[in-house]
Amino acid sequence: MGDLSHTDDSGASRMVDVSGKEVTLRTASATGRISMSADALAAIKENRVAKGNVLEVARVAGILAAKKTADLIPMCHPLPIESIKVDFSDEEDGFRCNAEAVVTGKTGVEMEAITAVTIALVTIYDMVKAVDKRMVISDIHLVKKTGGKSGEFTF
């Protein structure tokens, strides 16, 4: 079991030791989508949801989630995030969420970008579930990451 980065030779869980890694600029972008009924989509676009401006609340939720990733995922290192952007684009039956995270550090920021997208989409669901309980959150994944020993990855 020593080949797994989050377990020691006996199989016990551990946080990866990054003390010997180089500090580099690291970026990550992630995406995901939520599909919904035409009524729910119209309510969001026309700002008719009783709980407020859905996309702005979801954006803030995504930013906060990125900053709290290490509190949510046990083996994540707490990172001093330098930038997190959460944006939405219209799709025919819903919205796509994109997040970009930046840090100068010893470990990557992929989990923060993925967490931002996930929580932003869950927030949309929470705010609009009175209109449509059949919304579907899907296709959450890492799009790109840069920096660190493993270099660049593009999906």
N, C-alpha and C. Protein backbone atom coordinates (compact mmCIF):
# COMPACT_ATOMS: atom_id res chain seq x y z
N MET A 1 0.80 -1.20 0.00
CA MET A 1 0.00 0.00 0.00
C MET A 1 0.84 1.27 0.00
N GLY A 2 2.15 1.15 0.11
CA GLY A 2 3.02 2.31 0.13
C GLY A 2 3.02 3.11 -1.15
N ASP A 3 2.48 2.56 -2.25
CA ASP A 3 2.43 3.27 -3.52
C ASP A 3 1.33 4.33 -3.56
N LEU A 4 0.39 4.27 -2.65
CA LEU A 4 -0.70 5.24 -2.61
C LEU A 4 -0.24 6.46 -1.81
N SER A 5 -0.50 7.64 -2.34
CA SER A 5 0.06 8.85 -1.72
C SER A 5 -0.59 9.21 -0.38
N HIS A 6 -1.81 8.72 -0.13
CA HIS A 6 -2.50 9.10 1.11
C HIS A 6 -2.56 7.97 2.13
N THR A 7 -1.69 6.96 1.95
CA THR A 7 -1.56 5.90 2.96
C THR A 7 -0.09 5.61 3.19
N ASP A 8 0.22 5.18 4.40
CA ASP A 8 1.60 4.80 4.68
C ASP A 8 1.77 3.31 4.36
N ASP A 9 2.94 2.75 4.67
CA ASP A 9 3.23 1.36 4.33
C ASP A 9 2.30 0.37 5.01
N SER A 10 1.71 0.76 6.15
CA SER A 10 0.79 -0.14 6.85
C SER A 10 -0.67 0.05 6.42
N GLY A 11 -0.90 1.02 5.54
CA GLY A 11 -2.27 1.27 5.08
C GLY A 11 -3.00 2.35 5.85
N ALA A 12 -2.33 2.96 6.81
CA ALA A 12 -2.96 4.03 7.59
C ALA A 12 -3.07 5.31 6.75
N SER A 13 -4.16 6.02 6.93
CA SER A 13 -4.36 7.27 6.20
C SER A 13 -3.37 8.33 6.66
N ARG A 14 -2.97 9.17 5.71
CA ARG A 14 -2.06 10.27 6.04
C ARG A 14 -2.22 11.39 5.03
N MET A 15 -1.87 12.57 5.44
CA MET A 15 -1.82 13.70 4.52
C MET A 15 -0.46 13.66 3.84
N VAL A 16 -0.41 13.92 2.55
CA VAL A 16 0.83 13.91 1.81
C VAL A 16 1.77 14.98 2.36
N ASP A 17 3.04 14.63 2.52
CA ASP A 17 4.05 15.58 2.98
C ASP A 17 4.52 16.40 1.79
N VAL A 18 4.21 17.68 1.78
CA VAL A 18 4.61 18.55 0.67
C VAL A 18 5.79 19.45 1.06
N SER A 19 6.39 19.20 2.21
CA SER A 19 7.45 20.09 2.70
C SER A 19 8.64 20.17 1.76
N GLY A 20 8.91 19.15 0.99
CA GLY A 20 10.05 19.16 0.07
C GLY A 20 9.71 19.66 -1.32
N LYS A 21 8.45 19.98 -1.57
CA LYS A 21 8.05 20.42 -2.91
C LYS A 21 8.40 21.88 -3.13
N GLU A 22 8.58 22.22 -4.41
CA GLU A 22 8.84 23.61 -4.79
C GLU A 22 7.56 24.43 -4.78
N VAL A 23 7.69 25.68 -4.40
CA VAL A 23 6.58 26.62 -4.49
C VAL A 23 6.50 27.09 -5.95
N THR A 24 5.34 26.86 -6.57
CA THR A 24 5.13 27.30 -7.95
C THR A 24 3.74 27.89 -8.07
N LEU A 25 3.55 28.65 -9.15
CA LEU A 25 2.22 29.15 -9.48
C LEU A 25 1.41 27.97 -9.99
N ARG A 26 0.23 27.77 -9.41
CA ARG A 26 -0.63 26.66 -9.78
C ARG A 26 -2.02 27.19 -10.07
N THR A 27 -2.61 26.69 -11.13
CA THR A 27 -3.96 27.09 -11.50
C THR A 27 -4.79 25.85 -11.77
N ALA A 28 -6.09 26.00 -11.65
CA ALA A 28 -7.01 24.92 -12.00
C ALA A 28 -8.33 25.51 -12.43
N SER A 29 -8.93 24.89 -13.41
CA SER A 29 -10.28 25.27 -13.81
C SER A 29 -11.14 24.02 -13.85
N ALA A 30 -12.39 24.20 -13.46
CA ALA A 30 -13.35 23.10 -13.43
C ALA A 30 -14.68 23.58 -14.00
N THR A 31 -15.53 22.65 -14.35
CA THR A 31 -16.82 22.98 -14.92
C THR A 31 -17.87 21.96 -14.48
N GLY A 32 -19.10 22.34 -14.63
CA GLY A 32 -20.23 21.45 -14.35
C GLY A 32 -21.49 22.13 -14.84
N ARG A 33 -22.59 21.40 -14.83
CA ARG A 33 -23.83 22.01 -15.34
C ARG A 33 -25.02 21.59 -14.50
N ILE A 34 -26.08 22.37 -14.63
CA ILE A 34 -27.36 22.03 -14.01
C ILE A 34 -28.44 22.22 -15.07
N SER A 35 -29.26 21.22 -15.23
CA SER A 35 -30.38 21.33 -16.16
C SER A 35 -31.67 21.42 -15.35
N MET A 36 -32.68 22.06 -15.95
CA MET A 36 -33.90 22.33 -15.21
C MET A 36 -35.05 22.59 -16.17
N SER A 37 -36.23 22.73 -15.61
CA SER A 37 -37.42 23.02 -16.40
C SER A 37 -37.36 24.43 -16.96
N ALA A 38 -38.16 24.65 -17.98
CA ALA A 38 -38.25 25.99 -18.58
C ALA A 38 -38.75 27.01 -17.55
N ASP A 39 -39.67 26.59 -16.66
CA ASP A 39 -40.18 27.49 -15.63
C ASP A 39 -39.07 27.92 -14.66
N ALA A 40 -38.26 26.97 -14.24
CA ALA A 40 -37.17 27.29 -13.31
C ALA A 40 -36.14 28.19 -13.99
N LEU A 41 -35.82 27.87 -15.23
CA LEU A 41 -34.85 28.68 -15.98
C LEU A 41 -35.35 30.12 -16.13
N ALA A 42 -36.60 30.27 -16.47
CA ALA A 42 -37.18 31.61 -16.63
C ALA A 42 -37.19 32.36 -15.30
N ALA A 43 -37.51 31.67 -14.21
CA ALA A 43 -37.54 32.32 -12.90
C ALA A 43 -36.16 32.87 -12.52
N ILE A 44 -35.11 32.11 -12.84
CA ILE A 44 -33.76 32.57 -12.55
C ILE A 44 -33.40 33.76 -13.44
N LYS A 45 -33.61 33.61 -14.73
CA LYS A 45 -33.22 34.66 -15.68
C LYS A 45 -33.99 35.96 -15.45
N GLU A 46 -35.23 35.84 -15.00
CA GLU A 46 -36.06 37.03 -14.76
C GLU A 46 -35.98 37.51 -13.31
N ASN A 47 -35.11 36.90 -12.52
CA ASN A 47 -34.89 37.25 -11.12
C ASN A 47 -36.20 37.22 -10.31
N ARG A 48 -36.98 36.15 -10.52
CA ARG A 48 -38.26 35.99 -9.83
C ARG A 48 -38.21 34.93 -8.73
N VAL A 49 -37.04 34.53 -8.30
CA VAL A 49 -36.92 33.52 -7.26
C VAL A 49 -36.98 34.23 -5.90
N ALA A 50 -37.86 33.77 -5.04
CA ALA A 50 -38.11 34.44 -3.76
C ALA A 50 -36.85 34.56 -2.89
N LYS A 51 -35.93 33.64 -3.03
CA LYS A 51 -34.73 33.64 -2.19
C LYS A 51 -33.67 34.65 -2.64
N GLY A 52 -33.87 35.29 -3.78
CA GLY A 52 -32.93 36.31 -4.23
C GLY A 52 -32.32 35.99 -5.58
N ASN A 53 -31.27 36.74 -5.92
CA ASN A 53 -30.57 36.58 -7.19
C ASN A 53 -29.79 35.27 -7.15
N VAL A 54 -30.31 34.27 -7.81
CA VAL A 54 -29.79 32.91 -7.70
C VAL A 54 -28.33 32.81 -8.13
N LEU A 55 -27.99 33.35 -9.27
CA LEU A 55 -26.63 33.18 -9.77
C LEU A 55 -25.61 33.94 -8.93
N GLU A 56 -25.98 35.09 -8.39
CA GLU A 56 -25.04 35.82 -7.53
C GLU A 56 -24.84 35.12 -6.18
N VAL A 57 -25.92 34.60 -5.62
CA VAL A 57 -25.78 33.85 -4.37
C VAL A 57 -24.94 32.59 -4.61
N ALA A 58 -25.19 31.90 -5.74
CA ALA A 58 -24.42 30.70 -6.07
C ALA A 58 -22.95 31.03 -6.30
N ARG A 59 -22.67 32.18 -6.92
CA ARG A 59 -21.28 32.60 -7.14
C ARG A 59 -20.56 32.77 -5.79
N VAL A 60 -21.20 33.46 -4.87
CA VAL A 60 -20.59 33.67 -3.54
C VAL A 60 -20.42 32.33 -2.82
N ALA A 61 -21.40 31.46 -2.93
CA ALA A 61 -21.30 30.14 -2.30
C ALA A 61 -20.11 29.36 -2.86
N GLY A 62 -19.91 29.43 -4.18
CA GLY A 62 -18.78 28.75 -4.80
C GLY A 62 -17.44 29.30 -4.32
N ILE A 63 -17.36 30.61 -4.22
CA ILE A 63 -16.12 31.24 -3.73
C ILE A 63 -15.84 30.81 -2.29
N LEU A 64 -16.86 30.87 -1.45
CA LEU A 64 -16.69 30.45 -0.05
C LEU A 64 -16.30 28.98 0.05
N ALA A 65 -16.92 28.14 -0.78
CA ALA A 65 -16.62 26.71 -0.75
C ALA A 65 -15.16 26.45 -1.12
N ALA A 66 -14.66 27.15 -2.13
CA ALA A 66 -13.26 26.98 -2.52
C ALA A 66 -12.33 27.29 -1.36
N LYS A 67 -12.66 28.35 -0.62
CA LYS A 67 -11.84 28.75 0.52
C LYS A 67 -11.92 27.75 1.68
N LYS A 68 -12.97 26.93 1.71
CA LYS A 68 -13.18 25.97 2.81
C LYS A 68 -12.89 24.52 2.40
N THR A 69 -12.32 24.31 1.23
CA THR A 69 -12.13 22.95 0.71
C THR A 69 -11.38 22.05 1.70
N ALA A 70 -10.33 22.55 2.30
CA ALA A 70 -9.56 21.72 3.24
C ALA A 70 -10.38 21.31 4.46
N ASP A 71 -11.42 22.07 4.79
CA ASP A 71 -12.30 21.70 5.90
C ASP A 71 -13.29 20.61 5.49
N LEU A 72 -13.51 20.45 4.21
CA LEU A 72 -14.51 19.51 3.70
C LEU A 72 -13.92 18.18 3.24
N ILE A 73 -12.71 18.21 2.70
CA ILE A 73 -12.07 17.01 2.15
C ILE A 73 -10.87 16.69 3.03
N PRO A 74 -10.92 15.56 3.72
CA PRO A 74 -9.97 15.26 4.79
C PRO A 74 -8.49 15.39 4.45
N MET A 75 -8.05 14.99 3.28
CA MET A 75 -6.61 14.98 2.99
C MET A 75 -6.13 16.20 2.21
N CYS A 76 -7.00 17.19 2.00
CA CYS A 76 -6.60 18.41 1.30
C CYS A 76 -5.79 19.31 2.22
N HIS A 77 -4.76 19.91 1.65
CA HIS A 77 -3.99 20.90 2.39
C HIS A 77 -4.72 22.24 2.36
N PRO A 78 -4.72 22.97 3.46
CA PRO A 78 -5.28 24.33 3.42
C PRO A 78 -4.38 25.21 2.55
N LEU A 79 -4.99 25.91 1.61
CA LEU A 79 -4.21 26.72 0.67
C LEU A 79 -4.56 28.19 0.78
N PRO A 80 -3.56 29.06 0.64
CA PRO A 80 -3.83 30.50 0.62
C PRO A 80 -4.25 30.92 -0.80
N ILE A 81 -5.50 30.70 -1.13
CA ILE A 81 -5.99 30.96 -2.48
C ILE A 81 -5.81 32.44 -2.81
N GLU A 82 -5.21 32.68 -3.96
CA GLU A 82 -4.96 34.05 -4.39
C GLU A 82 -6.07 34.58 -5.27
N SER A 83 -6.77 33.67 -5.94
CA SER A 83 -7.88 34.08 -6.79
C SER A 83 -8.82 32.90 -7.00
N ILE A 84 -10.10 33.18 -6.94
CA ILE A 84 -11.11 32.19 -7.31
C ILE A 84 -12.21 32.95 -8.05
N LYS A 85 -12.50 32.50 -9.25
CA LYS A 85 -13.55 33.11 -10.06
C LYS A 85 -14.59 32.05 -10.34
N VAL A 86 -15.85 32.40 -10.18
CA VAL A 86 -16.97 31.51 -10.47
C VAL A 86 -17.89 32.25 -11.43
N ASP A 87 -18.12 31.65 -12.59
CA ASP A 87 -18.96 32.27 -13.60
C ASP A 87 -20.00 31.28 -14.12
N PHE A 88 -21.05 31.82 -14.70
CA PHE A 88 -22.13 31.00 -15.25
C PHE A 88 -22.38 31.40 -16.69
N SER A 89 -22.72 30.41 -17.49
CA SER A 89 -23.15 30.68 -18.86
C SER A 89 -24.47 29.96 -19.10
N ASP A 90 -25.29 30.57 -19.93
CA ASP A 90 -26.59 29.99 -20.26
C ASP A 90 -26.41 28.76 -21.14
N GLU A 91 -27.23 27.77 -20.87
CA GLU A 91 -27.36 26.62 -21.76
C GLU A 91 -28.83 26.48 -22.08
N GLU A 92 -29.15 25.70 -23.08
CA GLU A 92 -30.54 25.60 -23.54
C GLU A 92 -31.50 25.24 -22.41
N ASP A 93 -31.09 24.34 -21.54
CA ASP A 93 -31.98 23.87 -20.48
C ASP A 93 -31.41 24.09 -19.08
N GLY A 94 -30.52 25.08 -18.94
CA GLY A 94 -29.94 25.33 -17.62
C GLY A 94 -28.74 26.26 -17.69
N PHE A 95 -27.76 25.96 -16.84
CA PHE A 95 -26.57 26.78 -16.75
C PHE A 95 -25.34 25.91 -16.64
N ARG A 96 -24.24 26.41 -17.17
CA ARG A 96 -22.93 25.82 -16.95
C ARG A 96 -22.21 26.72 -15.95
N CYS A 97 -21.52 26.10 -15.02
CA CYS A 97 -20.71 26.82 -14.05
C CYS A 97 -19.24 26.52 -14.33
N ASN A 98 -18.44 27.56 -14.35
CA ASN A 98 -16.99 27.43 -14.52
C ASN A 98 -16.31 28.11 -13.36
N ALA A 99 -15.27 27.47 -12.85
CA ALA A 99 -14.49 28.06 -11.76
C ALA A 99 -13.01 28.00 -12.11
N GLU A 100 -12.29 29.05 -11.76
CA GLU A 100 -10.84 29.11 -11.94
C GLU A 100 -10.21 29.50 -10.61
N ALA A 101 -9.24 28.72 -10.18
CA ALA A 101 -8.56 28.98 -8.91
C ALA A 101 -7.06 29.14 -9.16
N VAL A 102 -6.44 30.02 -8.37
CA VAL A 102 -5.01 30.30 -8.50
C VAL A 102 -4.39 30.31 -7.11
N VAL A 103 -3.21 29.71 -7.00
CA VAL A 103 -2.45 29.74 -5.76
C VAL A 103 -0.97 29.66 -6.11
N THR A 104 -0.13 30.27 -5.29
CA THR A 104 1.30 30.05 -5.36
C THR A 104 1.61 29.18 -4.15
N GLY A 105 1.96 27.93 -4.41
CA GLY A 105 2.14 27.02 -3.29
C GLY A 105 2.84 25.74 -3.67
N LYS A 106 2.77 24.78 -2.74
CA LYS A 106 3.47 23.51 -2.90
C LYS A 106 2.56 22.38 -3.35
N THR A 107 1.27 22.66 -3.48
CA THR A 107 0.34 21.64 -3.93
C THR A 107 -0.75 22.30 -4.76
N GLY A 108 -1.39 21.49 -5.57
CA GLY A 108 -2.34 22.01 -6.55
C GLY A 108 -3.65 22.51 -5.97
N VAL A 109 -4.40 23.19 -6.81
CA VAL A 109 -5.63 23.86 -6.42
C VAL A 109 -6.85 23.26 -7.15
N GLU A 110 -6.68 22.03 -7.66
CA GLU A 110 -7.76 21.37 -8.40
C GLU A 110 -9.00 21.15 -7.56
N MET A 111 -8.82 20.68 -6.35
CA MET A 111 -9.98 20.37 -5.50
C MET A 111 -10.77 21.63 -5.17
N GLU A 112 -10.09 22.75 -5.05
CA GLU A 112 -10.78 24.01 -4.77
C GLU A 112 -11.66 24.43 -5.94
N ALA A 113 -11.16 24.27 -7.16
CA ALA A 113 -11.96 24.61 -8.34
C ALA A 113 -13.16 23.68 -8.47
N ILE A 114 -12.95 22.39 -8.27
CA ILE A 114 -14.04 21.42 -8.36
C ILE A 114 -15.07 21.66 -7.26
N THR A 115 -14.62 21.96 -6.06
CA THR A 115 -15.53 22.24 -4.94
C THR A 115 -16.34 23.49 -5.21
N ALA A 116 -15.71 24.53 -5.77
CA ALA A 116 -16.43 25.76 -6.09
C ALA A 116 -17.58 25.49 -7.05
N VAL A 117 -17.32 24.73 -8.11
CA VAL A 117 -18.37 24.40 -9.08
C VAL A 117 -19.48 23.59 -8.42
N THR A 118 -19.11 22.60 -7.65
CA THR A 118 -20.09 21.71 -7.04
C THR A 118 -21.03 22.48 -6.11
N ILE A 119 -20.48 23.28 -5.24
CA ILE A 119 -21.31 24.00 -4.27
C ILE A 119 -22.12 25.11 -4.95
N ALA A 120 -21.57 25.74 -5.97
CA ALA A 120 -22.34 26.74 -6.71
C ALA A 120 -23.57 26.09 -7.33
N LEU A 121 -23.41 24.93 -7.93
CA LEU A 121 -24.54 24.24 -8.56
C LEU A 121 -25.54 23.73 -7.52
N VAL A 122 -25.06 23.23 -6.40
CA VAL A 122 -25.96 22.78 -5.33
C VAL A 122 -26.74 23.97 -4.77
N THR A 123 -26.11 25.13 -4.72
CA THR A 123 -26.80 26.34 -4.25
C THR A 123 -27.94 26.72 -5.20
N ILE A 124 -27.68 26.62 -6.50
CA ILE A 124 -28.77 26.87 -7.46
C ILE A 124 -29.92 25.91 -7.18
N TYR A 125 -29.60 24.64 -7.01
CA TYR A 125 -30.65 23.66 -6.73
C TYR A 125 -31.44 24.07 -5.48
N ASP A 126 -30.73 24.40 -4.42
CA ASP A 126 -31.40 24.76 -3.17
C ASP A 126 -32.32 25.96 -3.35
N MET A 127 -31.89 26.94 -4.08
CA MET A 127 -32.67 28.17 -4.21
C MET A 127 -33.89 28.02 -5.11
N VAL A 128 -33.87 27.03 -6.01
CA VAL A 128 -34.92 26.91 -7.02
C VAL A 128 -35.74 25.63 -6.86
N LYS A 129 -35.45 24.84 -5.85
CA LYS A 129 -36.14 23.55 -5.70
C LYS A 129 -37.64 23.69 -5.51
N ALA A 130 -38.12 24.83 -5.04
CA ALA A 130 -39.57 25.03 -4.91
C ALA A 130 -40.25 25.09 -6.28
N VAL A 131 -39.48 25.47 -7.31
CA VAL A 131 -40.02 25.56 -8.66
C VAL A 131 -39.83 24.24 -9.41
N ASP A 132 -38.68 23.57 -9.17
CA ASP A 132 -38.35 22.35 -9.93
C ASP A 132 -37.48 21.43 -9.09
N LYS A 133 -38.05 20.34 -8.63
CA LYS A 133 -37.28 19.37 -7.85
C LYS A 133 -36.55 18.36 -8.73
N ARG A 134 -36.78 18.42 -10.04
CA ARG A 134 -36.17 17.46 -10.97
C ARG A 134 -34.89 18.01 -11.61
N MET A 135 -34.35 19.08 -11.10
CA MET A 135 -33.10 19.59 -11.65
C MET A 135 -32.02 18.52 -11.55
N VAL A 136 -31.09 18.52 -12.51
CA VAL A 136 -30.02 17.53 -12.54
C VAL A 136 -28.68 18.25 -12.60
N ILE A 137 -27.83 17.95 -11.64
CA ILE A 137 -26.45 18.45 -11.62
C ILE A 137 -25.58 17.36 -12.25
N SER A 138 -24.74 17.76 -13.22
CA SER A 138 -23.95 16.74 -13.92
C SER A 138 -22.65 17.31 -14.46
N ASP A 139 -21.84 16.39 -14.96
CA ASP A 139 -20.65 16.73 -15.75
C ASP A 139 -19.65 17.59 -15.00
N ILE A 140 -19.53 17.41 -13.70
CA ILE A 140 -18.54 18.18 -12.93
C ILE A 140 -17.18 17.52 -13.14
N HIS A 141 -16.22 18.31 -13.61
CA HIS A 141 -14.89 17.75 -13.82
C HIS A 141 -13.83 18.85 -13.93
N LEU A 142 -12.59 18.43 -13.74
CA LEU A 142 -11.43 19.30 -13.92
C LEU A 142 -11.25 19.53 -15.41
N VAL A 143 -11.08 20.77 -15.81
CA VAL A 143 -10.87 21.11 -17.22
C VAL A 143 -9.38 21.26 -17.50
N LYS A 144 -8.68 21.93 -16.59
CA LYS A 144 -7.26 22.19 -16.81
C LYS A 144 -6.58 22.47 -15.48
N LYS A 145 -5.30 22.10 -15.42
CA LYS A 145 -4.48 22.48 -14.27
C LYS A 145 -3.08 22.75 -14.76
N THR A 146 -2.42 23.71 -14.12
CA THR A 146 -1.04 24.02 -14.46
C THR A 146 -0.21 24.09 -13.19
N GLY A 147 1.11 23.97 -13.36
CA GLY A 147 2.04 24.10 -12.26
C GLY A 147 2.36 22.79 -11.58
N GLY A 148 3.40 22.83 -10.80
CA GLY A 148 3.80 21.66 -10.04
C GLY A 148 4.60 20.66 -10.86
N LYS A 149 5.01 19.61 -10.19
CA LYS A 149 5.87 18.58 -10.78
C LYS A 149 5.23 17.88 -11.98
N SER A 150 3.91 17.65 -11.90
CA SER A 150 3.25 16.92 -12.99
C SER A 150 2.92 17.81 -14.19
N GLY A 151 3.13 19.13 -14.06
CA GLY A 151 2.96 20.03 -15.20
C GLY A 151 1.51 20.30 -15.54
N GLU A 152 1.27 20.47 -16.84
CA GLU A 152 -0.06 20.87 -17.31
C GLU A 152 -0.91 19.64 -17.64
N PHE A 153 -2.18 19.77 -17.32
CA PHE A 153 -3.19 18.76 -17.69
C PHE A 153 -4.36 19.50 -18.31
N THR A 154 -4.85 18.98 -19.43
CA THR A 154 -6.06 19.50 -20.05
C THR A 154 -6.97 18.34 -20.34
N PHE A 155 -8.22 18.48 -19.98
CA PHE A 155 -9.21 17.42 -20.17
C PHE A 155 -9.53 17.25 -21.63
